[in-house]
PDB file of all heavy atoms in Angstrom:
ATOM      1  N   ALA A   1     -14.202 -24.097 -79.907  1.00  0.00           N
ATOM      2  CA  ALA A   1     -13.506 -25.386 -79.575  1.00  0.00           C
ATOM      3  C   ALA A   1     -13.818 -25.803 -78.185  1.00  0.00           C
ATOM      4  O   ALA A   1     -14.186 -25.004 -77.259  1.00  0.00           O
ATOM      5  CB  ALA A   1     -12.001 -25.121 -79.749  1.00  0.00           C
ATOM      6  N   LEU A   2     -13.587 -27.061 -77.931  1.00  0.00           N
ATOM      7  CA  LEU A   2     -13.841 -27.637 -76.511  1.00  0.00           C
ATOM      8  C   LEU A   2     -12.913 -26.934 -75.574  1.00  0.00           C
ATOM      9  O   LEU A   2     -13.355 -26.712 -74.358  1.00  0.00           O
ATOM     10  CB  LEU A   2     -13.611 -29.216 -76.570  1.00  0.00           C
ATOM     11  CG  LEU A   2     -14.737 -29.949 -77.297  1.00  0.00           C
ATOM     12  CD1 LEU A   2     -14.278 -31.376 -77.500  1.00  0.00           C
ATOM     13  CD2 LEU A   2     -16.038 -29.839 -76.593  1.00  0.00           C
ATOM     14  N   ASP A   3     -11.622 -26.626 -75.914  1.00  0.00           N
ATOM     15  CA  ASP A   3     -10.785 -25.992 -74.946  1.00  0.00           C
ATOM     16  C   ASP A   3     -11.283 -24.553 -74.602  1.00  0.00           C
ATOM     17  O   ASP A   3     -11.056 -24.167 -73.413  1.00  0.00           O
ATOM     18  CB  ASP A   3      -9.397 -25.895 -75.589  1.00  0.00           C
ATOM     19  CG  ASP A   3      -8.679 -27.211 -75.618  1.00  0.00           C
ATOM     20  OD1 ASP A   3      -9.058 -28.118 -74.881  1.00  0.00           O
ATOM     21  OD2 ASP A   3      -7.648 -27.367 -76.390  1.00  0.00           O
ATOM     22  N   ASP A   4     -11.963 -23.939 -75.513  1.00  0.00           N
ATOM     23  CA  ASP A   4     -12.473 -22.626 -75.160  1.00  0.00           C
ATOM     24  C   ASP A   4     -13.626 -22.740 -74.147  1.00  0.00           C
ATOM     25  O   ASP A   4     -13.811 -21.906 -73.244  1.00  0.00           O
ATOM     26  CB  ASP A   4     -13.051 -21.924 -76.470  1.00  0.00           C
ATOM     27  CG  ASP A   4     -11.982 -21.561 -77.411  1.00  0.00           C
ATOM     28  OD1 ASP A   4     -10.854 -21.300 -76.972  1.00  0.00           O
ATOM     29  OD2 ASP A   4     -12.251 -21.536 -78.649  1.00  0.00           O
ATOM     30  N   LEU A   5     -14.308 -23.843 -74.251  1.00  0.00           N
ATOM     31  CA  LEU A   5     -15.476 -24.127 -73.250  1.00  0.00           C
ATOM     32  C   LEU A   5     -14.800 -24.322 -71.892  1.00  0.00           C
ATOM     33  O   LEU A   5     -15.268 -23.689 -70.882  1.00  0.00           O
ATOM     34  CB  LEU A   5     -16.230 -25.368 -73.659  1.00  0.00           C
ATOM     35  CG  LEU A   5     -17.217 -25.881 -72.597  1.00  0.00           C
ATOM     36  CD1 LEU A   5     -18.279 -24.788 -72.273  1.00  0.00           C
ATOM     37  CD2 LEU A   5     -17.844 -27.210 -73.103  1.00  0.00           C
ATOM     38  N   ILE A   6     -13.775 -25.062 -71.770  1.00  0.00           N
ATOM     39  CA  ILE A   6     -13.223 -25.372 -70.516  1.00  0.00           C
ATOM     40  C   ILE A   6     -12.688 -24.054 -69.869  1.00  0.00           C
ATOM     41  O   ILE A   6     -12.888 -23.791 -68.661  1.00  0.00           O
ATOM     42  CB  ILE A   6     -11.972 -26.386 -70.581  1.00  0.00           C
ATOM     43  CG1 ILE A   6     -12.504 -27.657 -71.301  1.00  0.00           C
ATOM     44  CG2 ILE A   6     -11.370 -26.646 -69.247  1.00  0.00           C
ATOM     45  CD1 ILE A   6     -13.623 -28.390 -70.444  1.00  0.00           C
ATOM     46  N   SER A   7     -12.094 -23.223 -70.665  1.00  0.00           N
ATOM     47  CA  SER A   7     -11.640 -21.936 -70.141  1.00  0.00           C
ATOM     48  C   SER A   7     -12.734 -21.123 -69.618  1.00  0.00           C
ATOM     49  O   SER A   7     -12.735 -20.390 -68.603  1.00  0.00           O
ATOM     50  CB  SER A   7     -10.860 -21.192 -71.255  1.00  0.00           C
ATOM     51  OG  SER A   7      -9.701 -21.894 -71.635  1.00  0.00           O
ATOM     52  N   ALA A   8     -13.911 -21.001 -70.394  1.00  0.00           N
ATOM     53  CA  ALA A   8     -15.019 -20.177 -70.082  1.00  0.00           C
ATOM     54  C   ALA A   8     -15.768 -20.760 -68.811  1.00  0.00           C
ATOM     55  O   ALA A   8     -16.243 -19.962 -67.955  1.00  0.00           O
ATOM     56  CB  ALA A   8     -16.009 -20.168 -71.201  1.00  0.00           C
ATOM     57  N   MET A   9     -15.648 -22.071 -68.566  1.00  0.00           N
ATOM     58  CA  MET A   9     -16.385 -22.707 -67.441  1.00  0.00           C
ATOM     59  C   MET A   9     -15.614 -22.485 -66.164  1.00  0.00           C
ATOM     60  O   MET A   9     -16.201 -22.434 -65.118  1.00  0.00           O
ATOM     61  CB  MET A   9     -16.586 -24.191 -67.703  1.00  0.00           C
ATOM     62  CG  MET A   9     -17.617 -24.542 -68.771  1.00  0.00           C
ATOM     63  SD  MET A   9     -19.267 -24.255 -68.202  1.00  0.00           S
ATOM     64  CE  MET A   9     -19.501 -25.582 -67.017  1.00  0.00           C
ATOM     65  N   ASP A  10     -14.305 -22.374 -66.232  1.00  0.00           N
ATOM     66  CA  ASP A  10     -13.514 -22.205 -65.054  1.00  0.00           C
ATOM     67  C   ASP A  10     -13.606 -23.313 -64.014  1.00  0.00           C
ATOM     68  O   ASP A  10     -13.545 -23.116 -62.857  1.00  0.00           O
ATOM     69  CB  ASP A  10     -13.856 -20.850 -64.356  1.00  0.00           C
ATOM     70  CG  ASP A  10     -12.711 -20.376 -63.462  1.00  0.00           C
ATOM     71  OD1 ASP A  10     -11.561 -20.713 -63.672  1.00  0.00           O
ATOM     72  OD2 ASP A  10     -13.029 -19.689 -62.402  1.00  0.00           O
ATOM     73  N   VAL A  11     -13.953 -24.541 -64.538  1.00  0.00           N
ATOM     74  CA  VAL A  11     -13.871 -25.688 -63.647  1.00  0.00           C
ATOM     75  C   VAL A  11     -13.125 -26.787 -64.516  1.00  0.00           C
ATOM     76  O   VAL A  11     -12.814 -26.612 -65.644  1.00  0.00           O
ATOM     77  CB  VAL A  11     -15.318 -26.199 -63.324  1.00  0.00           C
ATOM     78  CG1 VAL A  11     -16.035 -25.212 -62.462  1.00  0.00           C
ATOM     79  CG2 VAL A  11     -16.040 -26.516 -64.579  1.00  0.00           C
ATOM     80  N   SER A  12     -12.904 -27.971 -63.912  1.00  0.00           N
ATOM     81  CA  SER A  12     -12.124 -28.969 -64.635  1.00  0.00           C
ATOM     82  C   SER A  12     -12.954 -29.532 -65.791  1.00  0.00           C
ATOM     83  O   SER A  12     -14.141 -29.420 -65.914  1.00  0.00           O
ATOM     84  CB  SER A  12     -11.795 -30.144 -63.596  1.00  0.00           C
ATOM     85  OG  SER A  12     -12.986 -30.797 -63.256  1.00  0.00           O
ATOM     86  N   ARG A  13     -12.170 -30.202 -66.644  1.00  0.00           N
ATOM     87  CA  ARG A  13     -12.848 -30.860 -67.853  1.00  0.00           C
ATOM     88  C   ARG A  13     -13.822 -31.940 -67.307  1.00  0.00           C
ATOM     89  O   ARG A  13     -14.986 -32.062 -67.941  1.00  0.00           O
ATOM     90  CB  ARG A  13     -11.736 -31.493 -68.708  1.00  0.00           C
ATOM     91  CG  ARG A  13     -12.327 -32.055 -70.076  1.00  0.00           C
ATOM     92  CD  ARG A  13     -11.127 -32.572 -70.847  1.00  0.00           C
ATOM     93  NE  ARG A  13     -10.205 -31.556 -71.245  1.00  0.00           N
ATOM     94  CZ  ARG A  13     -10.345 -30.837 -72.410  1.00  0.00           C
ATOM     95  NH1 ARG A  13     -11.338 -31.134 -73.222  1.00  0.00           N
ATOM     96  NH2 ARG A  13      -9.403 -29.914 -72.692  1.00  0.00           N
ATOM     97  N   ARG A  14     -13.492 -32.664 -66.274  1.00  0.00           N
ATOM     98  CA  ARG A  14     -14.448 -33.660 -65.703  1.00  0.00           C
ATOM     99  C   ARG A  14     -15.727 -33.069 -65.203  1.00  0.00           C
ATOM    100  O   ARG A  14     -16.743 -33.610 -65.381  1.00  0.00           O
ATOM    101  CB  ARG A  14     -13.673 -34.399 -64.687  1.00  0.00           C
ATOM    102  CG  ARG A  14     -14.509 -35.585 -64.050  1.00  0.00           C
ATOM    103  CD  ARG A  14     -13.640 -36.405 -63.096  1.00  0.00           C
ATOM    104  NE  ARG A  14     -14.464 -37.521 -62.558  1.00  0.00           N
ATOM    105  CZ  ARG A  14     -13.954 -38.378 -61.628  1.00  0.00           C
ATOM    106  NH1 ARG A  14     -12.653 -38.263 -61.276  1.00  0.00           N
ATOM    107  NH2 ARG A  14     -14.685 -39.324 -61.153  1.00  0.00           N
ATOM    108  N   GLN A  15     -15.523 -31.884 -64.477  1.00  0.00           N
ATOM    109  CA  GLN A  15     -16.723 -31.230 -63.959  1.00  0.00           C
ATOM    110  C   GLN A  15     -17.558 -30.675 -65.074  1.00  0.00           C
ATOM    111  O   GLN A  15     -18.742 -30.657 -65.005  1.00  0.00           O
ATOM    112  CB  GLN A  15     -16.216 -30.148 -62.950  1.00  0.00           C
ATOM    113  CG  GLN A  15     -17.399 -29.414 -62.280  1.00  0.00           C
ATOM    114  CD  GLN A  15     -17.981 -30.132 -61.206  1.00  0.00           C
ATOM    115  OE1 GLN A  15     -17.874 -31.362 -61.105  1.00  0.00           O
ATOM    116  NE2 GLN A  15     -18.826 -29.444 -60.335  1.00  0.00           N
ATOM    117  N   THR A  16     -16.926 -30.101 -66.137  1.00  0.00           N
ATOM    118  CA  THR A  16     -17.650 -29.596 -67.222  1.00  0.00           C
ATOM    119  C   THR A  16     -18.445 -30.725 -67.855  1.00  0.00           C
ATOM    120  O   THR A  16     -19.647 -30.458 -68.183  1.00  0.00           O
ATOM    121  CB  THR A  16     -16.664 -29.003 -68.236  1.00  0.00           C
ATOM    122  OG1 THR A  16     -15.942 -27.909 -67.642  1.00  0.00           O
ATOM    123  CG2 THR A  16     -17.467 -28.522 -69.515  1.00  0.00           C
ATOM    124  N   ASP A  17     -17.907 -31.903 -67.943  1.00  0.00           N
ATOM    125  CA  ASP A  17     -18.616 -32.962 -68.611  1.00  0.00           C
ATOM    126  C   ASP A  17     -19.789 -33.352 -67.710  1.00  0.00           C
ATOM    127  O   ASP A  17     -20.867 -33.649 -68.255  1.00  0.00           O
ATOM    128  CB  ASP A  17     -17.631 -34.210 -68.739  1.00  0.00           C
ATOM    129  CG  ASP A  17     -18.241 -35.328 -69.425  1.00  0.00           C
ATOM    130  OD1 ASP A  17     -18.282 -35.251 -70.694  1.00  0.00           O
ATOM    131  OD2 ASP A  17     -18.598 -36.406 -68.871  1.00  0.00           O
ATOM    132  N   ARG A  18     -19.580 -33.420 -66.408  1.00  0.00           N
ATOM    133  CA  ARG A  18     -20.716 -33.660 -65.480  1.00  0.00           C
ATOM    134  C   ARG A  18     -21.906 -32.770 -65.642  1.00  0.00           C
ATOM    135  O   ARG A  18     -23.089 -33.092 -65.662  1.00  0.00           O
ATOM    136  CB  ARG A  18     -20.204 -33.778 -64.095  1.00  0.00           C
ATOM    137  CG  ARG A  18     -21.251 -34.306 -63.078  1.00  0.00           C
ATOM    138  CD  ARG A  18     -20.761 -34.183 -61.691  1.00  0.00           C
ATOM    139  NE  ARG A  18     -20.838 -32.834 -61.215  1.00  0.00           N
ATOM    140  CZ  ARG A  18     -21.957 -32.155 -60.757  1.00  0.00           C
ATOM    141  NH1 ARG A  18     -23.104 -32.809 -60.794  1.00  0.00           N
ATOM    142  NH2 ARG A  18     -21.842 -30.916 -60.369  1.00  0.00           N
ATOM    143  N   LEU A  19     -21.497 -31.475 -65.674  1.00  0.00           N
ATOM    144  CA  LEU A  19     -22.584 -30.398 -65.790  1.00  0.00           C
ATOM    145  C   LEU A  19     -23.294 -30.509 -67.138  1.00  0.00           C
ATOM    146  O   LEU A  19     -24.524 -30.279 -67.216  1.00  0.00           O
ATOM    147  CB  LEU A  19     -21.954 -29.048 -65.612  1.00  0.00           C
ATOM    148  CG  LEU A  19     -21.504 -28.705 -64.200  1.00  0.00           C
ATOM    149  CD1 LEU A  19     -20.658 -27.392 -64.163  1.00  0.00           C
ATOM    150  CD2 LEU A  19     -22.676 -28.539 -63.273  1.00  0.00           C
ATOM    151  N   ALA A  20     -22.577 -30.795 -68.220  1.00  0.00           N
ATOM    152  CA  ALA A  20     -23.209 -30.932 -69.584  1.00  0.00           C
ATOM    153  C   ALA A  20     -24.219 -32.005 -69.540  1.00  0.00           C
ATOM    154  O   ALA A  20     -25.286 -31.906 -70.060  1.00  0.00           O
ATOM    155  CB  ALA A  20     -22.137 -31.224 -70.576  1.00  0.00           C
ATOM    156  N   LYS A  21     -23.899 -33.140 -68.862  1.00  0.00           N
ATOM    157  CA  LYS A  21     -24.827 -34.279 -68.815  1.00  0.00           C
ATOM    158  C   LYS A  21     -25.993 -33.965 -67.908  1.00  0.00           C
ATOM    159  O   LYS A  21     -27.145 -34.308 -68.267  1.00  0.00           O
ATOM    160  CB  LYS A  21     -24.097 -35.516 -68.343  1.00  0.00           C
ATOM    161  CG  LYS A  21     -23.097 -36.059 -69.364  1.00  0.00           C
ATOM    162  CD  LYS A  21     -22.342 -37.319 -68.813  1.00  0.00           C
ATOM    163  CE  LYS A  21     -21.327 -37.751 -69.853  1.00  0.00           C
ATOM    164  NZ  LYS A  21     -20.508 -38.879 -69.316  1.00  0.00           N
ATOM    165  N   LEU A  22     -25.797 -33.303 -66.835  1.00  0.00           N
ATOM    166  CA  LEU A  22     -26.795 -32.977 -65.871  1.00  0.00           C
ATOM    167  C   LEU A  22     -27.862 -32.083 -66.472  1.00  0.00           C
ATOM    168  O   LEU A  22     -29.056 -32.299 -66.294  1.00  0.00           O
ATOM    169  CB  LEU A  22     -26.182 -32.328 -64.638  1.00  0.00           C
ATOM    170  CG  LEU A  22     -27.202 -31.805 -63.533  1.00  0.00           C
ATOM    171  CD1 LEU A  22     -27.855 -33.065 -62.891  1.00  0.00           C
ATOM    172  CD2 LEU A  22     -26.491 -30.951 -62.537  1.00  0.00           C
ATOM    173  N   TYR A  23     -27.406 -31.060 -67.245  1.00  0.00           N
ATOM    174  CA  TYR A  23     -28.415 -30.108 -67.740  1.00  0.00           C
ATOM    175  C   TYR A  23     -28.780 -30.303 -69.262  1.00  0.00           C
ATOM    176  O   TYR A  23     -29.964 -29.990 -69.617  1.00  0.00           O
ATOM    177  CB  TYR A  23     -27.760 -28.648 -67.692  1.00  0.00           C
ATOM    178  CG  TYR A  23     -27.844 -28.112 -66.281  1.00  0.00           C
ATOM    179  CD1 TYR A  23     -26.750 -28.189 -65.460  1.00  0.00           C
ATOM    180  CD2 TYR A  23     -29.029 -27.591 -65.714  1.00  0.00           C
ATOM    181  CE1 TYR A  23     -26.824 -27.747 -64.144  1.00  0.00           C
ATOM    182  CE2 TYR A  23     -29.058 -27.080 -64.507  1.00  0.00           C
ATOM    183  CZ  TYR A  23     -27.919 -27.157 -63.679  1.00  0.00           C
ATOM    184  OH  TYR A  23     -27.982 -26.673 -62.416  1.00  0.00           O
ATOM    185  N   PHE A  24     -27.865 -30.944 -70.022  1.00  0.00           N
ATOM    186  CA  PHE A  24     -28.195 -31.062 -71.504  1.00  0.00           C
ATOM    187  C   PHE A  24     -28.265 -32.474 -72.011  1.00  0.00           C
ATOM    188  O   PHE A  24     -28.584 -32.766 -73.123  1.00  0.00           O
ATOM    189  CB  PHE A  24     -27.137 -30.266 -72.224  1.00  0.00           C
ATOM    190  CG  PHE A  24     -27.140 -28.771 -71.960  1.00  0.00           C
ATOM    191  CD1 PHE A  24     -26.271 -28.246 -71.037  1.00  0.00           C
ATOM    192  CD2 PHE A  24     -27.983 -27.921 -72.579  1.00  0.00           C
ATOM    193  CE1 PHE A  24     -26.259 -26.962 -70.662  1.00  0.00           C
ATOM    194  CE2 PHE A  24     -28.013 -26.609 -72.329  1.00  0.00           C
ATOM    195  CZ  PHE A  24     -27.110 -26.053 -71.326  1.00  0.00           C
ATOM    196  N   GLY A  25     -27.897 -33.475 -71.049  1.00  0.00           N
ATOM    197  CA  GLY A  25     -28.064 -34.778 -71.453  1.00  0.00           C
ATOM    198  C   GLY A  25     -26.949 -35.550 -72.052  1.00  0.00           C
ATOM    199  O   GLY A  25     -27.126 -36.764 -72.380  1.00  0.00           O
ATOM    200  N   ALA A  26     -25.876 -34.922 -72.335  1.00  0.00           N
ATOM    201  CA  ALA A  26     -24.759 -35.671 -73.092  1.00  0.00           C
ATOM    202  C   ALA A  26     -23.451 -34.852 -72.772  1.00  0.00           C
ATOM    203  O   ALA A  26     -23.464 -33.737 -72.276  1.00  0.00           O
ATOM    204  CB  ALA A  26     -25.049 -35.719 -74.560  1.00  0.00           C
ATOM    205  N   SER A  27     -22.355 -35.410 -73.252  1.00  0.00           N
ATOM    206  CA  SER A  27     -21.072 -34.786 -73.057  1.00  0.00           C
ATOM    207  C   SER A  27     -20.966 -33.589 -73.924  1.00  0.00           C
ATOM    208  O   SER A  27     -21.667 -33.474 -74.955  1.00  0.00           O
ATOM    209  CB  SER A  27     -19.935 -35.824 -73.359  1.00  0.00           C
ATOM    210  OG  SER A  27     -19.951 -36.059 -74.829  1.00  0.00           O
ATOM    211  N   PRO A  28     -20.055 -32.589 -73.626  1.00  0.00           N
ATOM    212  CA  PRO A  28     -19.817 -31.450 -74.481  1.00  0.00           C
ATOM    213  C   PRO A  28     -19.475 -31.824 -75.928  1.00  0.00           C
ATOM    214  O   PRO A  28     -19.987 -31.246 -76.858  1.00  0.00           O
ATOM    215  CB  PRO A  28     -18.708 -30.726 -73.770  1.00  0.00           C
ATOM    216  CG  PRO A  28     -18.812 -31.046 -72.379  1.00  0.00           C
ATOM    217  CD  PRO A  28     -19.262 -32.513 -72.390  1.00  0.00           C
ATOM    218  N   LYS A  29     -18.694 -32.916 -76.033  1.00  0.00           N
ATOM    219  CA  LYS A  29     -18.210 -33.227 -77.441  1.00  0.00           C
ATOM    220  C   LYS A  29     -19.443 -33.702 -78.249  1.00  0.00           C
ATOM    221  O   LYS A  29     -19.592 -33.400 -79.439  1.00  0.00           O
ATOM    222  CB  LYS A  29     -17.208 -34.337 -77.396  1.00  0.00           C
ATOM    223  CG  LYS A  29     -16.564 -34.634 -78.738  1.00  0.00           C
ATOM    224  CD  LYS A  29     -15.375 -35.587 -78.639  1.00  0.00           C
ATOM    225  CE  LYS A  29     -14.689 -35.776 -80.033  1.00  0.00           C
ATOM    226  NZ  LYS A  29     -13.490 -36.617 -79.889  1.00  0.00           N
ATOM    227  N   TYR A  30     -20.334 -34.484 -77.605  1.00  0.00           N
ATOM    228  CA  TYR A  30     -21.589 -34.972 -78.325  1.00  0.00           C
ATOM    229  C   TYR A  30     -22.459 -33.816 -78.615  1.00  0.00           C
ATOM    230  O   TYR A  30     -23.097 -33.673 -79.650  1.00  0.00           O
ATOM    231  CB  TYR A  30     -22.194 -36.041 -77.537  1.00  0.00           C
ATOM    232  CG  TYR A  30     -23.260 -36.798 -78.439  1.00  0.00           C
ATOM    233  CD1 TYR A  30     -22.901 -37.894 -79.135  1.00  0.00           C
ATOM    234  CD2 TYR A  30     -24.584 -36.366 -78.474  1.00  0.00           C
ATOM    235  CE1 TYR A  30     -23.795 -38.553 -79.917  1.00  0.00           C
ATOM    236  CE2 TYR A  30     -25.510 -37.013 -79.308  1.00  0.00           C
ATOM    237  CZ  TYR A  30     -25.135 -38.140 -79.955  1.00  0.00           C
ATOM    238  OH  TYR A  30     -26.041 -38.772 -80.832  1.00  0.00           O
ATOM    239  N   LEU A  31     -22.661 -32.905 -77.619  1.00  0.00           N
ATOM    240  CA  LEU A  31     -23.590 -31.779 -77.833  1.00  0.00           C
ATOM    241  C   LEU A  31     -23.106 -30.848 -78.924  1.00  0.00           C
ATOM    242  O   LEU A  31     -23.823 -30.253 -79.625  1.00  0.00           O
ATOM    243  CB  LEU A  31     -23.594 -31.011 -76.476  1.00  0.00           C
ATOM    244  CG  LEU A  31     -24.398 -31.700 -75.326  1.00  0.00           C
ATOM    245  CD1 LEU A  31     -24.152 -30.976 -74.045  1.00  0.00           C
ATOM    246  CD2 LEU A  31     -25.890 -31.838 -75.643  1.00  0.00           C
ATOM    247  N   GLN A  32     -21.719 -30.697 -79.012  1.00  0.00           N
ATOM    248  CA  GLN A  32     -21.146 -29.976 -80.058  1.00  0.00           C
ATOM    249  C   GLN A  32     -21.581 -30.444 -81.478  1.00  0.00           C
ATOM    250  O   GLN A  32     -22.021 -29.634 -82.310  1.00  0.00           O
ATOM    251  CB  GLN A  32     -19.648 -29.922 -80.008  1.00  0.00           C
ATOM    252  CG  GLN A  32     -18.892 -29.029 -80.942  1.00  0.00           C
ATOM    253  CD  GLN A  32     -17.417 -29.157 -80.901  1.00  0.00           C
ATOM    254  OE1 GLN A  32     -16.950 -30.256 -80.939  1.00  0.00           O
ATOM    255  NE2 GLN A  32     -16.744 -28.023 -80.696  1.00  0.00           N
ATOM    256  N   ARG A  33     -21.643 -31.710 -81.661  1.00  0.00           N
ATOM    257  CA  ARG A  33     -22.075 -32.385 -82.879  1.00  0.00           C
ATOM    258  C   ARG A  33     -23.581 -32.121 -83.118  1.00  0.00           C
ATOM    259  O   ARG A  33     -23.960 -31.641 -84.210  1.00  0.00           O
ATOM    260  CB  ARG A  33     -21.858 -33.822 -82.879  1.00  0.00           C
ATOM    261  CG  ARG A  33     -20.424 -34.341 -82.873  1.00  0.00           C
ATOM    262  CD  ARG A  33     -20.339 -35.881 -82.772  1.00  0.00           C
ATOM    263  NE  ARG A  33     -21.144 -36.506 -83.818  1.00  0.00           N
ATOM    264  CZ  ARG A  33     -21.724 -37.683 -83.604  1.00  0.00           C
ATOM    265  NH1 ARG A  33     -21.568 -38.387 -82.486  1.00  0.00           N
ATOM    266  NH2 ARG A  33     -22.383 -38.291 -84.542  1.00  0.00           N
ATOM    267  N   LYS A  34     -24.375 -32.239 -82.019  1.00  0.00           N
ATOM    268  CA  LYS A  34     -25.735 -32.043 -82.115  1.00  0.00           C
ATOM    269  C   LYS A  34     -26.168 -30.566 -82.537  1.00  0.00           C
ATOM    270  O   LYS A  34     -26.918 -30.317 -83.449  1.00  0.00           O
ATOM    271  CB  LYS A  34     -26.461 -32.377 -80.769  1.00  0.00           C
ATOM    272  CG  LYS A  34     -27.945 -32.108 -80.767  1.00  0.00           C
ATOM    273  CD  LYS A  34     -28.513 -32.478 -79.348  1.00  0.00           C
ATOM    274  CE  LYS A  34     -29.905 -32.064 -79.142  1.00  0.00           C
ATOM    275  NZ  LYS A  34     -30.472 -32.443 -77.842  1.00  0.00           N
ATOM    276  N   TYR A  35     -25.503 -29.579 -81.880  1.00  0.00           N
ATOM    277  CA  TYR A  35     -25.903 -28.279 -82.132  1.00  0.00           C
ATOM    278  C   TYR A  35     -25.230 -27.668 -83.442  1.00  0.00           C
ATOM    279  O   TYR A  35     -25.796 -26.790 -84.031  1.00  0.00           O
ATOM    280  CB  TYR A  35     -25.447 -27.409 -80.942  1.00  0.00           C
ATOM    281  CG  TYR A  35     -26.501 -27.527 -79.814  1.00  0.00           C
ATOM    282  CD1 TYR A  35     -26.469 -28.545 -78.880  1.00  0.00           C
ATOM    283  CD2 TYR A  35     -27.628 -26.645 -79.767  1.00  0.00           C
ATOM    284  CE1 TYR A  35     -27.402 -28.649 -77.905  1.00  0.00           C
ATOM    285  CE2 TYR A  35     -28.593 -26.780 -78.871  1.00  0.00           C
ATOM    286  CZ  TYR A  35     -28.499 -27.784 -78.003  1.00  0.00           C
ATOM    287  OH  TYR A  35     -29.455 -27.966 -76.976  1.00  0.00           O
TER     288      TYR A  35
END
């Protein structure tokens, strides 16, 4: 789940979203659908 990702990342949801876009090209929610 997305909440599990936030816990594992140990940064804010906004920062997690930024990192997902920087390295993988999209938000975590969209990447979840893709993968």
